[in-house]
Protein backbone atom coordinates (compact mmCIF):
# COMPACT_ATOMS: atom_id res chain seq x y z
CA MET A 1 32.86 31.92 -70.78
CA THR A 2 34.35 32.89 -67.44
CA ILE A 3 36.17 36.20 -67.25
CA THR A 4 39.59 36.29 -65.62
CA ALA A 5 41.11 39.55 -64.42
CA ALA A 6 44.79 39.47 -63.47
CA PHE A 7 45.80 42.42 -61.31
CA ILE A 8 49.33 43.69 -61.86
CA GLY A 9 51.15 46.80 -60.76
CA PRO A 10 54.16 48.19 -58.88
CA ALA A 11 54.76 47.11 -55.30
CA GLY A 12 52.58 49.06 -52.91
CA SER A 13 50.00 50.04 -55.54
CA GLY A 14 47.28 48.31 -53.55
CA LYS A 15 46.48 45.29 -55.73
CA THR A 16 45.59 43.00 -52.83
CA THR A 17 43.32 45.51 -51.09
CA LEU A 18 41.62 46.36 -54.38
CA ILE A 19 40.98 42.70 -55.16
CA SER A 20 39.48 42.15 -51.72
CA SER A 21 37.15 45.15 -52.00
CA TYR A 22 36.24 44.48 -55.63
CA SER A 23 35.42 40.83 -54.97
CA GLU A 24 33.06 41.78 -52.15
CA TRP A 25 31.38 44.40 -54.35
CA LEU A 26 30.88 41.89 -57.16
CA ARG A 27 29.33 39.38 -54.77
CA ARG A 28 27.04 41.79 -52.97
CA GLN A 29 26.02 44.14 -55.76
CA LEU A 30 26.07 41.92 -58.85
CA PHE A 31 25.60 38.53 -57.15
CA MET A 32 28.51 37.12 -59.12
CA ARG A 33 30.33 33.91 -58.30
CA VAL A 34 33.86 35.15 -57.61
CA ALA A 35 37.02 33.09 -57.19
CA ILE A 36 40.31 34.61 -56.06
CA VAL A 37 43.74 33.23 -56.91
CA ASN A 38 46.94 34.29 -55.16
CA LEU A 39 50.13 33.96 -57.21
CA ASP A 40 52.31 36.00 -54.85
CA PRO A 41 54.62 33.65 -52.93
CA GLY A 42 56.02 36.52 -50.90
CA VAL A 43 52.88 37.74 -49.19
CA GLU A 44 52.72 36.96 -45.47
CA GLU A 45 48.95 37.19 -45.12
CA THR A 46 46.03 37.90 -47.44
CA ILE A 47 42.93 39.88 -46.50
CA TYR A 48 40.84 37.65 -48.75
CA LYS A 49 40.39 33.88 -48.88
CA PRO A 50 41.98 32.57 -52.08
CA LEU A 51 40.52 29.50 -53.71
CA PHE A 52 44.01 28.71 -54.97
CA ASP A 53 47.15 29.93 -53.25
CA ILE A 54 50.61 29.47 -54.78
CA ARG A 55 51.96 29.36 -51.22
CA SER A 56 50.47 25.87 -50.95
CA ILE A 57 53.27 24.83 -53.34
CA PHE A 58 56.09 27.21 -52.41
CA THR A 59 56.72 30.44 -50.54
CA LEU A 60 59.40 33.06 -50.90
CA LYS A 61 60.92 32.05 -47.57
CA THR A 62 61.16 28.37 -48.49
CA ILE A 63 62.77 29.27 -51.82
CA MET A 64 65.31 31.53 -50.10
CA LYS A 65 66.20 28.78 -47.65
CA LYS A 66 66.27 25.90 -50.14
CA TYR A 67 68.28 27.67 -52.85
CA ASN A 68 70.27 30.03 -50.61
CA LEU A 69 68.92 33.12 -52.36
CA GLY A 70 68.10 36.66 -51.36
CA PRO A 71 64.60 38.12 -51.83
CA ASN A 72 65.17 39.28 -55.42
CA GLY A 73 66.74 36.02 -56.48
CA ALA A 74 63.94 34.11 -54.79
CA PHE A 75 61.31 36.06 -56.72
CA LEU A 76 63.09 35.22 -59.98
CA LYS A 77 63.29 31.56 -58.96
CA SER A 78 59.60 31.58 -58.08
CA SER A 79 58.74 32.47 -61.68
CA GLU A 80 60.63 29.35 -62.81
CA LEU A 81 58.81 27.23 -60.24
CA LEU A 82 55.50 28.62 -61.46
CA ILE A 83 56.18 27.16 -64.90
CA GLU A 84 57.30 23.85 -63.41
CA ASN A 85 54.04 23.57 -61.50
CA LEU A 86 51.62 24.68 -64.22
CA ASP A 87 49.94 21.28 -64.48
CA LEU A 88 49.32 21.21 -60.75
CA ILE A 89 47.99 24.77 -60.78
CA PHE A 90 45.61 24.19 -63.67
CA SER A 91 44.35 20.93 -62.19
CA SER A 92 43.31 22.84 -59.06
CA GLU A 93 40.29 25.02 -58.38
CA PRO A 94 39.16 27.30 -59.92
CA PHE A 95 41.01 26.46 -63.14
CA ASN A 96 39.82 22.85 -63.32
CA ASP A 97 36.15 23.89 -63.35
CA LEU A 98 35.80 27.47 -64.54
CA ASP A 99 32.11 27.04 -65.35
CA GLU A 100 31.46 27.25 -61.62
CA TRP A 101 32.58 30.89 -61.60
CA ASP A 102 31.52 34.11 -63.28
CA ILE A 103 34.86 35.81 -62.72
CA VAL A 104 38.31 34.87 -61.43
CA LEU A 105 40.50 37.55 -59.86
CA ILE A 106 44.24 36.86 -59.84
CA ASP A 107 46.62 38.59 -57.44
CA THR A 108 50.12 38.65 -58.93
CA PRO A 109 53.51 39.09 -57.21
CA GLY A 110 54.30 42.45 -55.67
CA GLN A 111 57.62 42.45 -57.52
CA MET A 112 55.92 43.01 -60.86
CA GLU A 113 59.07 42.90 -62.97
CA THR A 114 59.96 39.40 -61.72
CA PHE A 115 56.66 38.10 -63.08
CA ILE A 116 55.25 40.11 -65.96
CA PHE A 117 58.59 40.58 -67.76
CA ARG A 118 59.74 36.99 -67.24
CA PRO A 119 58.93 33.96 -69.44
CA ALA A 120 56.66 32.63 -66.68
CA SER A 121 53.95 35.18 -67.33
CA SER A 122 53.88 34.46 -71.08
CA VAL A 123 53.61 30.71 -70.51
CA PHE A 124 51.00 31.11 -67.77
CA PHE A 125 48.79 33.56 -69.68
CA GLU A 126 49.07 31.60 -72.93
CA LYS A 127 47.76 28.49 -71.19
CA LEU A 128 45.10 30.45 -69.31
CA ASN A 129 43.94 32.24 -72.46
CA LYS A 130 42.91 28.89 -73.94
CA ILE A 131 40.27 28.30 -71.27
CA THR A 132 39.07 31.77 -70.27
CA ASN A 133 38.80 35.37 -71.40
CA ILE A 134 41.64 37.36 -69.83
CA VAL A 135 42.04 41.03 -69.09
CA LEU A 136 44.98 42.58 -67.28
CA VAL A 137 44.19 45.23 -64.70
CA PHE A 138 47.18 47.54 -64.31
CA VAL A 139 46.80 49.15 -60.89
CA LEU A 140 48.23 52.66 -60.67
CA ASP A 141 48.94 54.29 -57.33
CA ALA A 142 47.48 57.79 -57.58
CA SER A 143 49.53 58.94 -54.60
CA ALA A 144 52.73 58.13 -56.55
CA MET A 145 51.79 60.36 -59.50
CA LYS A 146 53.08 63.74 -58.41
CA THR A 147 54.56 64.97 -61.69
CA ILE A 148 54.01 64.69 -65.43
CA ALA A 149 57.11 62.49 -65.61
CA ASP A 150 55.58 60.10 -63.05
CA ALA A 151 52.34 59.87 -65.02
CA ILE A 152 54.08 59.35 -68.37
CA THR A 153 56.28 56.62 -66.91
CA LEU A 154 53.26 54.68 -65.64
CA TRP A 155 51.36 55.24 -68.87
CA PHE A 156 54.21 53.87 -70.97
CA LEU A 157 54.54 50.96 -68.55
CA SER A 158 50.90 50.02 -69.16
CA ILE A 159 51.53 50.12 -72.93
CA LEU A 160 54.68 48.03 -72.51
CA ILE A 161 52.77 45.43 -70.51
CA GLN A 162 50.09 45.15 -73.19
CA ALA A 163 52.75 44.83 -75.89
CA LYS A 164 54.63 42.19 -73.88
CA THR A 165 51.59 40.05 -73.09
CA GLY A 166 49.39 40.73 -76.10
CA LEU A 167 46.46 40.98 -73.70
CA THR A 168 43.99 43.80 -73.20
CA THR A 169 45.38 45.96 -70.40
CA VAL A 170 43.11 48.30 -68.49
CA PRO A 171 44.73 51.00 -66.31
CA VAL A 172 42.89 51.44 -63.02
CA ILE A 173 43.60 54.29 -60.64
CA ASN A 174 43.85 53.29 -56.98
CA LYS A 175 44.23 55.46 -53.85
CA ILE A 176 42.57 58.41 -55.57
CA ASP A 177 41.49 59.69 -52.16
CA ILE A 178 45.12 60.51 -51.30
CA ALA A 179 46.23 61.73 -54.73
CA GLU A 180 48.24 64.95 -54.77
CA ASN A 181 47.46 65.67 -58.41
CA VAL A 182 43.97 64.49 -59.33
CA GLU A 183 44.14 66.04 -62.82
CA LEU A 184 47.16 63.91 -63.73
CA THR A 185 45.38 60.75 -62.62
CA ARG A 186 42.37 61.69 -64.72
CA MET A 187 44.50 62.36 -67.79
CA ILE A 188 46.37 59.07 -67.65
CA VAL A 189 43.08 57.18 -68.02
CA GLU A 190 40.95 59.53 -70.11
CA GLU A 191 43.37 61.64 -72.17
CA PRO A 192 46.91 60.19 -72.04
CA GLU A 193 47.87 62.02 -75.24
CA LYS A 194 47.63 65.29 -73.30
CA LEU A 195 50.45 64.08 -71.06
CA MET A 196 52.79 64.07 -74.05
CA ASP A 197 51.65 67.55 -75.05
CA LEU A 198 52.41 68.82 -71.55
CA ALA A 199 55.79 67.07 -71.57
CA LYS A 200 56.71 68.61 -74.94
CA LYS A 201 55.73 72.03 -73.65
CA GLN A 202 57.91 71.64 -70.57
CA LEU A 203 60.83 70.34 -72.64
CA SER A 204 60.58 73.38 -74.90
CA GLU A 205 60.89 75.48 -71.76
CA GLY A 206 63.98 73.56 -70.72
CA PHE A 207 62.62 71.25 -68.03
CA ILE A 208 60.16 68.45 -67.30
CA SER A 209 58.63 67.68 -63.93
């Protein structure tokens, strides 16, 4: 069965760039048949060629204009429109013929909270889970993890996402080359329990940073 990896993460974490690079690596190194899906209606341009692009149905700008909404309201509205257009989405490539692909990479909206914590994601993933094996890739920006508090926040967010979706969620560190605290980034993936130990120690000393 085809594997589907949905990339989620905070705005600016580098989901789109990672998908582009990863797709090329899969094609060149593993000779895999890779399809990319863009579900972000707010992106102006993509550095990859999506097989399906939600912007073919609606864009953030058209939603803002049609419904007289600001950017945040438009992102929330886009999650409703995603549900309304599920039949059209799943009747399009690559979803209508997944056997043609080894893996499908899904780029989700940059405003993560307007997608993953809205009903749209539950409905979308429930339908998708019936036809493919899904894994969520939670992209963490290493350059944003400067303190223990930063790392713990992102770690708990990954747990919250898995609890919300019920899907296997794999944390992936991005931008490691510009990380200020490499040890924190290593711990969040390999030994997250140590983060709590460090936090408890700092709290006992009267601060946490």
